């Protein structure tokens, strides 16, 4: 009886020891077989984390998310810029009746010619030139009338020729850029100062125009490393200006972002270009 009980207890102790040894050896074996992550694996995990974080983040250059590029075409800044596609089409000259006769003016004038300048160049100046050509004329009224008609016709031809010269279609890339910057300054200046290039909104709008031009260039030529560095500087400069405007007036900041077609996340936080 005592021997049977001793045998049974020995078997139970052996069973528990073998069971404990099994689990202990398995855990030790599991730890010994695990290997530390390599630098490449850590880099891949970090890159995947950044991809998840930036999956829905707007582009810091163009300011919109993927699939929402149409917001740029609908913003105020895009609508006031020169549409280069229209310049590539057939010329459109509008006939205007002026004191010297009919003059065909272009739909868009370049070289900084404003509406006030056009009024002086095509309405006032030709008429004054025609009159000055006959001031010292002596003779009867018929001779004076014919001479006035000749000088007026000559001024009309000169006005039509000059209108073709100042057509925006004749401007190069620098001329179009100059016209766009002039339009931006006029559009984003205050009502009490029609031409204020130092205003915060004007500076941010000009930088956005330059950034988009350079960004589109780098999309076509991604190996242009020199311009890529310049693009980074422009993006961070615009972010500084917009952060300053946000501190000064949140209302002006939000209105300007909408006018420039920018999402807040594209100019706030850490910008990686």
C-alpha atoms as a PDB file:
ATOM      1  CA  UNK A   1       0.000   0.000   0.000  1.00  0.00           C
ATOM      2  CA  UNK A   2       2.722   2.410   0.991  1.00  0.00           C
ATOM      3  CA  UNK A   3       4.821   1.316  -2.004  1.00  0.00           C
ATOM      4  CA  UNK A   4       1.922   1.908  -4.429  1.00  0.00           C
ATOM      5  CA  UNK A   5       1.330   5.393  -3.049  1.00  0.00           C
ATOM      6  CA  UNK A   6       5.029   6.260  -3.310  1.00  0.00           C
ATOM      7  CA  UNK A   7       5.146   5.080  -6.920  1.00  0.00           C
ATOM      8  CA  UNK A   8       2.087   7.163  -7.827  1.00  0.00           C
ATOM      9  CA  UNK A   9       3.488  10.361  -6.243  1.00  0.00           C
ATOM     10  CA  UNK A  10       6.835   9.850  -7.985  1.00  0.00           C
ATOM     11  CA  UNK A  11       5.096   9.606 -11.334  1.00  0.00           C
ATOM     12  CA  UNK A  12       3.145  12.834 -10.721  1.00  0.00           C
ATOM     13  CA  UNK A  13       6.315  14.712  -9.702  1.00  0.00           C
ATOM     14  CA  UNK A  14       8.149  13.466 -12.782  1.00  0.00           C
ATOM     15  CA  UNK A  15       5.253  14.468 -14.981  1.00  0.00           C
ATOM     16  CA  UNK A  16       5.204  17.997 -13.541  1.00  0.00           C
ATOM     17  CA  UNK A  17       8.963  18.374 -13.907  1.00  0.00           C
ATOM     18  CA  UNK A  18       8.926  17.181 -17.507  1.00  0.00           C
ATOM     19  CA  UNK A  19       6.043  19.508 -18.267  1.00  0.00           C
ATOM     20  CA  UNK A  20       7.847  22.476 -16.702  1.00  0.00           C
ATOM     21  CA  UNK A  21      11.015  21.608 -18.569  1.00  0.00           C
ATOM     22  CA  UNK A  22       9.093  21.462 -21.858  1.00  0.00           C
ATOM     23  CA  UNK A  23       7.636  24.951 -21.565  1.00  0.00           C
ATOM     24  CA  UNK A  24      10.886  26.391 -20.236  1.00  0.00           C
ATOM     25  CA  UNK A  25      12.961  24.959 -23.065  1.00  0.00           C
ATOM     26  CA  UNK A  26      10.435  26.158 -25.659  1.00  0.00           C
ATOM     27  CA  UNK A  27      10.547  29.741 -24.330  1.00  0.00           C
ATOM     28  CA  UNK A  28      14.324  29.728 -24.245  1.00  0.00           C
ATOM     29  CA  UNK A  29      14.438  28.315 -27.763  1.00  0.00           C
ATOM     30  CA  UNK A  30      12.030  31.024 -28.971  1.00  0.00           C
ATOM     31  CA  UNK A  31      14.189  33.804 -27.578  1.00  0.00           C
ATOM     32  CA  UNK A  32      17.367  32.351 -28.939  1.00  0.00           C
ATOM     33  CA  UNK A  33      15.961  32.022 -32.494  1.00  0.00           C
ATOM     34  CA  UNK A  34      14.736  35.709 -32.724  1.00  0.00           C
ATOM     35  CA  UNK A  35      17.094  38.043 -34.603  1.00  0.00           C
ATOM     36  CA  UNK A  36      17.448  41.853 -34.226  1.00  0.00           C
ATOM     37  CA  UNK A  37      16.087  44.039 -37.026  1.00  0.00           C
ATOM     38  CA  UNK A  38      18.582  45.197 -39.637  1.00  0.00           C
ATOM     39  CA  UNK A  39      19.098  48.815 -40.570  1.00  0.00           C
ATOM     40  CA  UNK A  40      17.284  48.196 -43.854  1.00  0.00           C
ATOM     41  CA  UNK A  41      14.241  46.730 -42.097  1.00  0.00           C
ATOM     42  CA  UNK A  42      14.130  49.645 -39.647  1.00  0.00           C
ATOM     43  CA  UNK A  43      14.351  52.097 -42.550  1.00  0.00           C
ATOM     44  CA  UNK A  44      11.497  50.333 -44.336  1.00  0.00           C
ATOM     45  CA  UNK A  45       9.321  50.441 -41.196  1.00  0.00           C
ATOM     46  CA  UNK A  46      10.072  54.149 -40.751  1.00  0.00           C
ATOM     47  CA  UNK A  47       9.346  54.865 -44.428  1.00  0.00           C
ATOM     48  CA  UNK A  48       6.045  53.014 -44.215  1.00  0.00           C
ATOM     49  CA  UNK A  49       5.126  55.020 -41.125  1.00  0.00           C
ATOM     50  CA  UNK A  50       5.857  58.280 -42.973  1.00  0.00           C
ATOM     51  CA  UNK A  51       3.802  57.089 -45.948  1.00  0.00           C
ATOM     52  CA  UNK A  52       0.799  56.457 -43.693  1.00  0.00           C
ATOM     53  CA  UNK A  53       1.186  59.840 -42.029  1.00  0.00           C
ATOM     54  CA  UNK A  54       1.554  61.742 -45.312  1.00  0.00           C
ATOM     55  CA  UNK A  55      -0.972  59.693 -47.304  1.00  0.00           C
ATOM     56  CA  UNK A  56      -3.659  62.367 -47.017  1.00  0.00           C
ATOM     57  CA  UNK A  57      -1.380  65.364 -46.487  1.00  0.00           C
ATOM     58  CA  UNK A  58      -1.560  68.037 -49.221  1.00  0.00           C
ATOM     59  CA  UNK A  59       1.472  68.659 -51.367  1.00  0.00           C
ATOM     60  CA  UNK A  60       3.607  71.488 -49.881  1.00  0.00           C
ATOM     61  CA  UNK A  61       4.444  72.769 -53.379  1.00  0.00           C
ATOM     62  CA  UNK A  62       1.050  72.820 -55.105  1.00  0.00           C
ATOM     63  CA  UNK A  63      -0.969  73.081 -51.887  1.00  0.00           C
ATOM     64  CA  UNK A  64      -3.669  70.524 -52.773  1.00  0.00           C
ATOM     65  CA  UNK A  65      -4.255  66.822 -52.102  1.00  0.00           C
ATOM     66  CA  UNK A  66      -4.109  64.172 -54.793  1.00  0.00           C
ATOM     67  CA  UNK A  67      -7.298  64.191 -56.795  1.00  0.00           C
ATOM     68  CA  UNK A  68      -8.178  67.756 -55.754  1.00  0.00           C
ATOM     69  CA  UNK A  69      -6.033  69.652 -58.263  1.00  0.00           C
ATOM     70  CA  UNK A  70      -9.193  71.296 -59.604  1.00  0.00           C
ATOM     71  CA  UNK A  71      -9.190  73.590 -56.557  1.00  0.00           C
ATOM     72  CA  UNK A  72      -6.317  75.530 -58.092  1.00  0.00           C
ATOM     73  CA  UNK A  73      -8.272  76.259 -61.283  1.00  0.00           C
ATOM     74  CA  UNK A  74     -11.175  77.565 -59.200  1.00  0.00           C
ATOM     75  CA  UNK A  75      -9.173  79.851 -56.909  1.00  0.00           C
ATOM     76  CA  UNK A  76      -8.909  83.629 -57.322  1.00  0.00           C
ATOM     77  CA  UNK A  77      -5.188  83.682 -58.132  1.00  0.00           C
ATOM     78  CA  UNK A  78      -5.481  81.254 -61.035  1.00  0.00           C
ATOM     79  CA  UNK A  79      -8.298  83.280 -62.586  1.00  0.00           C
ATOM     80  CA  UNK A  80      -6.359  86.573 -62.722  1.00  0.00           C
ATOM     81  CA  UNK A  81      -3.199  85.108 -64.280  1.00  0.00           C
ATOM     82  CA  UNK A  82      -2.508  85.143 -67.998  1.00  0.00           C
ATOM     83  CA  UNK A  83      -4.037  82.148 -69.757  1.00  0.00           C
ATOM     84  CA  UNK A  84      -1.200  81.093 -72.044  1.00  0.00           C
ATOM     85  CA  UNK A  85      -3.502  78.676 -73.886  1.00  0.00           C
ATOM     86  CA  UNK A  86      -5.512  81.658 -75.137  1.00  0.00           C
ATOM     87  CA  UNK A  87      -2.333  83.340 -76.374  1.00  0.00           C
ATOM     88  CA  UNK A  88      -1.596  80.326 -78.546  1.00  0.00           C
ATOM     89  CA  UNK A  89      -4.894  80.683 -80.430  1.00  0.00           C
ATOM     90  CA  UNK A  90      -5.741  83.040 -83.284  1.00  0.00           C
ATOM     91  CA  UNK A  91      -5.254  86.765 -82.567  1.00  0.00           C
ATOM     92  CA  UNK A  92      -8.291  88.748 -81.534  1.00  0.00           C
ATOM     93  CA  UNK A  93      -8.173  92.489 -82.247  1.00  0.00           C
ATOM     94  CA  UNK A  94     -11.051  94.720 -81.201  1.00  0.00           C
ATOM     95  CA  UNK A  95     -11.850  97.745 -83.432  1.00  0.00           C
ATOM     96  CA  UNK A  96     -12.163 100.994 -81.474  1.00  0.00           C
ATOM     97  CA  UNK A  97     -13.352 104.306 -82.925  1.00  0.00           C
ATOM     98  CA  UNK A  98     -10.832 106.996 -81.912  1.00  0.00           C
ATOM     99  CA  UNK A  99     -10.347 110.619 -82.981  1.00  0.00           C
ATOM    100  CA  UNK A 100      -7.793 109.536 -85.625  1.00  0.00           C
ATOM    101  CA  UNK A 101     -10.052 106.775 -86.967  1.00  0.00           C
ATOM    102  CA  UNK A 102     -10.593 103.080 -86.311  1.00  0.00           C
ATOM    103  CA  UNK A 103      -7.780 101.389 -84.380  1.00  0.00           C
ATOM    104  CA  UNK A 104      -7.684  97.641 -83.706  1.00  0.00           C
ATOM    105  CA  UNK A 105      -6.547  97.029 -80.147  1.00  0.00           C
ATOM    106  CA  UNK A 106      -5.439  93.634 -78.743  1.00  0.00           C
ATOM    107  CA  UNK A 107      -7.563  91.886 -76.130  1.00  0.00           C
ATOM    108  CA  UNK A 108      -4.568  91.639 -73.765  1.00  0.00           C
ATOM    109  CA  UNK A 109      -1.757  94.162 -73.639  1.00  0.00           C
ATOM    110  CA  UNK A 110       1.692  93.382 -72.359  1.00  0.00           C
ATOM    111  CA  UNK A 111       4.779  95.334 -71.312  1.00  0.00           C
ATOM    112  CA  UNK A 112       2.945  96.860 -68.357  1.00  0.00           C
ATOM    113  CA  UNK A 113       0.443  98.825 -70.468  1.00  0.00           C
ATOM    114  CA  UNK A 114      -2.566  99.533 -68.258  1.00  0.00           C
ATOM    115  CA  UNK A 115      -5.977 100.867 -69.271  1.00  0.00           C
ATOM    116  CA  UNK A 116      -4.874 104.369 -68.292  1.00  0.00           C
ATOM    117  CA  UNK A 117      -1.755 104.035 -70.439  1.00  0.00           C
ATOM    118  CA  UNK A 118      -3.809 102.734 -73.364  1.00  0.00           C
ATOM    119  CA  UNK A 119      -6.119 105.751 -73.118  1.00  0.00           C
ATOM    120  CA  UNK A 120      -3.138 108.088 -73.429  1.00  0.00           C
ATOM    121  CA  UNK A 121      -1.298 106.090 -76.110  1.00  0.00           C
ATOM    122  CA  UNK A 122      -4.182 105.443 -78.486  1.00  0.00           C
ATOM    123  CA  UNK A 123      -6.713 108.214 -77.895  1.00  0.00           C
ATOM    124  CA  UNK A 124      -4.869 111.315 -76.740  1.00  0.00           C
ATOM    125  CA  UNK A 125      -1.366 111.016 -78.207  1.00  0.00           C
ATOM    126  CA  UNK A 126      -2.311 110.337 -81.880  1.00  0.00           C
ATOM    127  CA  UNK A 127      -4.750 113.246 -81.905  1.00  0.00           C
ATOM    128  CA  UNK A 128      -2.192 115.623 -80.433  1.00  0.00           C
ATOM    129  CA  UNK A 129       0.443 114.444 -82.895  1.00  0.00           C
ATOM    130  CA  UNK A 130      -1.886 114.990 -85.833  1.00  0.00           C
ATOM    131  CA  UNK A 131      -2.704 118.512 -84.692  1.00  0.00           C
ATOM    132  CA  UNK A 132       0.925 119.414 -84.039  1.00  0.00           C
ATOM    133  CA  UNK A 133       1.792 118.410 -87.594  1.00  0.00           C
ATOM    134  CA  UNK A 134      -0.344 121.224 -89.035  1.00  0.00           C
ATOM    135  CA  UNK A 135       0.189 124.000 -86.473  1.00  0.00           C
ATOM    136  CA  UNK A 136       2.716 125.917 -88.554  1.00  0.00           C
ATOM    137  CA  UNK A 137       0.893 125.393 -91.846  1.00  0.00           C
ATOM    138  CA  UNK A 138       0.095 128.550 -93.815  1.00  0.00           C
ATOM    139  CA  UNK A 139      -2.411 128.746 -96.595  1.00  0.00           C
ATOM    140  CA  UNK A 140      -6.076 128.452 -97.358  1.00  0.00           C
ATOM    141  CA  UNK A 141      -8.517 126.260 -95.502  1.00  0.00           C
ATOM    142  CA  UNK A 142      -8.570 123.546 -98.183  1.00  0.00           C
ATOM    143  CA  UNK A 143      -4.835 122.993 -97.963  1.00  0.00           C
ATOM    144  CA  UNK A 144      -5.021 122.928 -94.189  1.00  0.00           C
ATOM    145  CA  UNK A 145      -7.853 120.384 -94.300  1.00  0.00           C
ATOM    146  CA  UNK A 146      -6.008 118.052 -96.656  1.00  0.00           C
ATOM    147  CA  UNK A 147      -2.843 118.241 -94.613  1.00  0.00           C
ATOM    148  CA  UNK A 148      -4.801 117.488 -91.452  1.00  0.00           C
ATOM    149  CA  UNK A 149      -6.378 114.448 -93.131  1.00  0.00           C
ATOM    150  CA  UNK A 150      -2.942 113.181 -94.182  1.00  0.00           C
ATOM    151  CA  UNK A 151      -1.420 113.576 -90.737  1.00  0.00           C
ATOM    152  CA  UNK A 152      -4.477 111.991 -89.123  1.00  0.00           C
ATOM    153  CA  UNK A 153      -4.260 109.011 -91.464  1.00  0.00           C
ATOM    154  CA  UNK A 154      -0.566 108.673 -90.723  1.00  0.00           C
ATOM    155  CA  UNK A 155      -1.238 108.697 -86.991  1.00  0.00           C
ATOM    156  CA  UNK A 156      -3.977 106.098 -87.424  1.00  0.00           C
ATOM    157  CA  UNK A 157      -1.558 103.750 -89.196  1.00  0.00           C
ATOM    158  CA  UNK A 158       1.063 104.324 -86.499  1.00  0.00           C
ATOM    159  CA  UNK A 159      -1.497 103.599 -83.774  1.00  0.00           C
ATOM    160  CA  UNK A 160      -2.509 100.302 -85.412  1.00  0.00           C
ATOM    161  CA  UNK A 161       1.118  99.288 -85.780  1.00  0.00           C
ATOM    162  CA  UNK A 162       1.897 100.152 -82.178  1.00  0.00           C
ATOM    163  CA  UNK A 163      -1.164  98.175 -81.034  1.00  0.00           C
ATOM    164  CA  UNK A 164       0.323  95.051 -82.624  1.00  0.00           C
ATOM    165  CA  UNK A 165       3.630  95.683 -80.890  1.00  0.00           C
ATOM    166  CA  UNK A 166       2.141  95.884 -77.381  1.00  0.00           C
ATOM    167  CA  UNK A 167       0.020  92.784 -77.912  1.00  0.00           C
ATOM    168  CA  UNK A 168       0.748  90.291 -75.133  1.00  0.00           C
ATOM    169  CA  UNK A 169       1.245  87.597 -77.775  1.00  0.00           C
ATOM    170  CA  UNK A 170       4.535  89.250 -78.693  1.00  0.00           C
ATOM    171  CA  UNK A 171       5.867  88.999 -75.131  1.00  0.00           C
ATOM    172  CA  UNK A 172       8.385  86.315 -74.155  1.00  0.00           C
ATOM    173  CA  UNK A 173       8.372  84.315 -70.906  1.00  0.00           C
ATOM    174  CA  UNK A 174       9.818  87.255 -68.958  1.00  0.00           C
ATOM    175  CA  UNK A 175       7.165  89.569 -70.384  1.00  0.00           C
ATOM    176  CA  UNK A 176       4.356  87.199 -69.369  1.00  0.00           C
ATOM    177  CA  UNK A 177       5.883  86.839 -65.892  1.00  0.00           C
ATOM    178  CA  UNK A 178       6.064  90.629 -65.556  1.00  0.00           C
ATOM    179  CA  UNK A 179       2.405  90.974 -66.576  1.00  0.00           C
ATOM    180  CA  UNK A 180       1.328  88.271 -64.109  1.00  0.00           C
ATOM    181  CA  UNK A 181       3.181  89.932 -61.228  1.00  0.00           C
ATOM    182  CA  UNK A 182       1.629  93.287 -62.126  1.00  0.00           C
ATOM    183  CA  UNK A 183      -1.828  91.727 -62.076  1.00  0.00           C
ATOM    184  CA  UNK A 184      -1.135  90.064 -58.721  1.00  0.00           C
ATOM    185  CA  UNK A 185      -0.015  93.338 -57.153  1.00  0.00           C
ATOM    186  CA  UNK A 186      -3.119  95.143 -58.389  1.00  0.00           C
ATOM    187  CA  UNK A 187      -5.491  92.336 -57.349  1.00  0.00           C
ATOM    188  CA  UNK A 188      -4.106  91.732 -53.841  1.00  0.00           C
ATOM    189  CA  UNK A 189      -3.384  95.335 -52.841  1.00  0.00           C
ATOM    190  CA  UNK A 190      -5.587  97.284 -50.458  1.00  0.00           C
ATOM    191  CA  UNK A 191      -8.417  99.460 -51.677  1.00  0.00           C
ATOM    192  CA  UNK A 192      -6.728 102.578 -50.311  1.00  0.00           C
ATOM    193  CA  UNK A 193      -3.432 101.700 -52.036  1.00  0.00           C
ATOM    194  CA  UNK A 194      -4.014 100.275 -55.497  1.00  0.00           C
ATOM    195  CA  UNK A 195      -0.373  99.279 -56.010  1.00  0.00           C
ATOM    196  CA  UNK A 196       1.229  97.944 -52.822  1.00  0.00           C
ATOM    197  CA  UNK A 197       3.907  95.299 -53.628  1.00  0.00           C
ATOM    198  CA  UNK A 198       5.023  95.141 -49.981  1.00  0.00           C
ATOM    199  CA  UNK A 199       1.700  93.886 -48.608  1.00  0.00           C
ATOM    200  CA  UNK A 200       1.760  90.414 -47.026  1.00  0.00           C
ATOM    201  CA  UNK A 201      -0.996  89.063 -49.282  1.00  0.00           C
ATOM    202  CA  UNK A 202       0.822  90.331 -52.376  1.00  0.00           C
ATOM    203  CA  UNK A 203       4.114  88.722 -51.351  1.00  0.00           C
ATOM    204  CA  UNK A 204       2.437  85.378 -50.611  1.00  0.00           C
ATOM    205  CA  UNK A 205       0.567  85.452 -53.941  1.00  0.00           C
ATOM    206  CA  UNK A 206       3.735  86.225 -55.935  1.00  0.00           C
ATOM    207  CA  UNK A 207       5.598  83.431 -54.137  1.00  0.00           C
ATOM    208  CA  UNK A 208       2.749  81.005 -54.895  1.00  0.00           C
ATOM    209  CA  UNK A 209       2.912  81.957 -58.572  1.00  0.00           C
ATOM    210  CA  UNK A 210       6.684  81.401 -58.645  1.00  0.00           C
ATOM    211  CA  UNK A 211       6.409  78.124 -56.713  1.00  0.00           C
ATOM    212  CA  UNK A 212       3.829  76.684 -59.091  1.00  0.00           C
ATOM    213  CA  UNK A 213       5.877  77.664 -62.140  1.00  0.00           C
ATOM    214  CA  UNK A 214       9.018  76.089 -60.698  1.00  0.00           C
ATOM    215  CA  UNK A 215       7.087  73.033 -59.491  1.00  0.00           C
ATOM    216  CA  UNK A 216       5.639  72.414 -62.954  1.00  0.00           C
ATOM    217  CA  UNK A 217       9.134  72.773 -64.409  1.00  0.00           C
ATOM    218  CA  UNK A 218      10.526  70.163 -61.999  1.00  0.00           C
ATOM    219  CA  UNK A 219       7.700  67.759 -62.845  1.00  0.00           C
ATOM    220  CA  UNK A 220       8.984  67.811 -66.429  1.00  0.00           C
ATOM    221  CA  UNK A 221      12.676  67.881 -65.463  1.00  0.00           C
ATOM    222  CA  UNK A 222      13.027  66.055 -62.104  1.00  0.00           C
ATOM    223  CA  UNK A 223      16.831  65.912 -62.323  1.00  0.00           C
ATOM    224  CA  UNK A 224      17.200  69.697 -62.184  1.00  0.00           C
ATOM    225  CA  UNK A 225      18.716  69.692 -58.694  1.00  0.00           C
ATOM    226  CA  UNK A 226      19.690  73.374 -58.732  1.00  0.00           C
ATOM    227  CA  UNK A 227      16.114  74.552 -59.153  1.00  0.00           C
ATOM    228  CA  UNK A 228      14.915  71.999 -56.601  1.00  0.00           C
ATOM    229  CA  UNK A 229      16.982  73.761 -53.941  1.00  0.00           C
ATOM    230  CA  UNK A 230      15.494  77.092 -55.012  1.00  0.00           C
ATOM    231  CA  UNK A 231      12.004  75.580 -54.787  1.00  0.00           C
ATOM    232  CA  UNK A 232      12.614  74.488 -51.181  1.00  0.00           C
ATOM    233  CA  UNK A 233      13.678  78.005 -50.247  1.00  0.00           C
ATOM    234  CA  UNK A 234      10.576  79.530 -51.854  1.00  0.00           C
ATOM    235  CA  UNK A 235       8.222  77.082 -50.124  1.00  0.00           C
ATOM    236  CA  UNK A 236       9.695  77.778 -46.678  1.00  0.00           C
ATOM    237  CA  UNK A 237       9.719  81.528 -47.345  1.00  0.00           C
ATOM    238  CA  UNK A 238       6.013  81.426 -48.201  1.00  0.00           C
ATOM    239  CA  UNK A 239       5.307  79.395 -45.057  1.00  0.00           C
ATOM    240  CA  UNK A 240       7.037  82.022 -42.916  1.00  0.00           C
ATOM    241  CA  UNK A 241       5.021  84.828 -44.509  1.00  0.00           C
ATOM    242  CA  UNK A 242       1.729  82.977 -44.045  1.00  0.00           C
ATOM    243  CA  UNK A 243       2.523  82.107 -40.415  1.00  0.00           C
ATOM    244  CA  UNK A 244       3.235  85.784 -39.801  1.00  0.00           C
ATOM    245  CA  UNK A 245      -0.116  86.704 -41.346  1.00  0.00           C
ATOM    246  CA  UNK A 246      -1.874  84.086 -39.189  1.00  0.00           C
ATOM    247  CA  UNK A 247      -0.404  85.630 -36.045  1.00  0.00           C
ATOM    248  CA  UNK A 248      -1.474  89.064 -37.221  1.00  0.00           C
ATOM    249  CA  UNK A 249      -4.981  88.210 -38.440  1.00  0.00           C
ATOM    250  CA  UNK A 250      -6.503  84.717 -38.617  1.00  0.00           C
ATOM    251  CA  UNK A 251      -9.365  86.017 -40.779  1.00  0.00           C
ATOM    252  CA  UNK A 252      -7.012  87.443 -43.424  1.00  0.00           C
ATOM    253  CA  UNK A 253      -4.968  84.239 -43.262  1.00  0.00           C
ATOM    254  CA  UNK A 254      -7.946  81.962 -43.972  1.00  0.00           C
ATOM    255  CA  UNK A 255      -9.239  84.205 -46.770  1.00  0.00           C
ATOM    256  CA  UNK A 256      -5.812  84.285 -48.420  1.00  0.00           C
ATOM    257  CA  UNK A 257      -5.417  80.491 -48.286  1.00  0.00           C
ATOM    258  CA  UNK A 258      -8.713  80.137 -50.137  1.00  0.00           C
ATOM    259  CA  UNK A 259      -7.700  82.763 -52.707  1.00  0.00           C
ATOM    260  CA  UNK A 260      -4.365  80.994 -53.329  1.00  0.00           C
ATOM    261  CA  UNK A 261      -5.878  77.494 -53.506  1.00  0.00           C
ATOM    262  CA  UNK A 262      -3.821  76.229 -50.527  1.00  0.00           C
ATOM    263  CA  UNK A 263      -4.810  73.760 -47.824  1.00  0.00           C
ATOM    264  CA  UNK A 264      -3.764  74.775 -44.274  1.00  0.00           C
ATOM    265  CA  UNK A 265      -1.740  71.545 -43.860  1.00  0.00           C
ATOM    266  CA  UNK A 266       0.419  72.464 -46.859  1.00  0.00           C
ATOM    267  CA  UNK A 267       1.906  75.484 -45.061  1.00  0.00           C
ATOM    268  CA  UNK A 268       1.716  74.417 -41.411  1.00  0.00           C
ATOM    269  CA  UNK A 269       3.908  72.007 -39.486  1.00  0.00           C
ATOM    270  CA  UNK A 270       7.056  70.367 -40.842  1.00  0.00           C
ATOM    271  CA  UNK A 271       7.385  70.858 -44.602  1.00  0.00           C
ATOM    272  CA  UNK A 272       9.324  68.239 -46.536  1.00  0.00           C
ATOM    273  CA  UNK A 273       9.885  69.248 -50.159  1.00  0.00           C
END
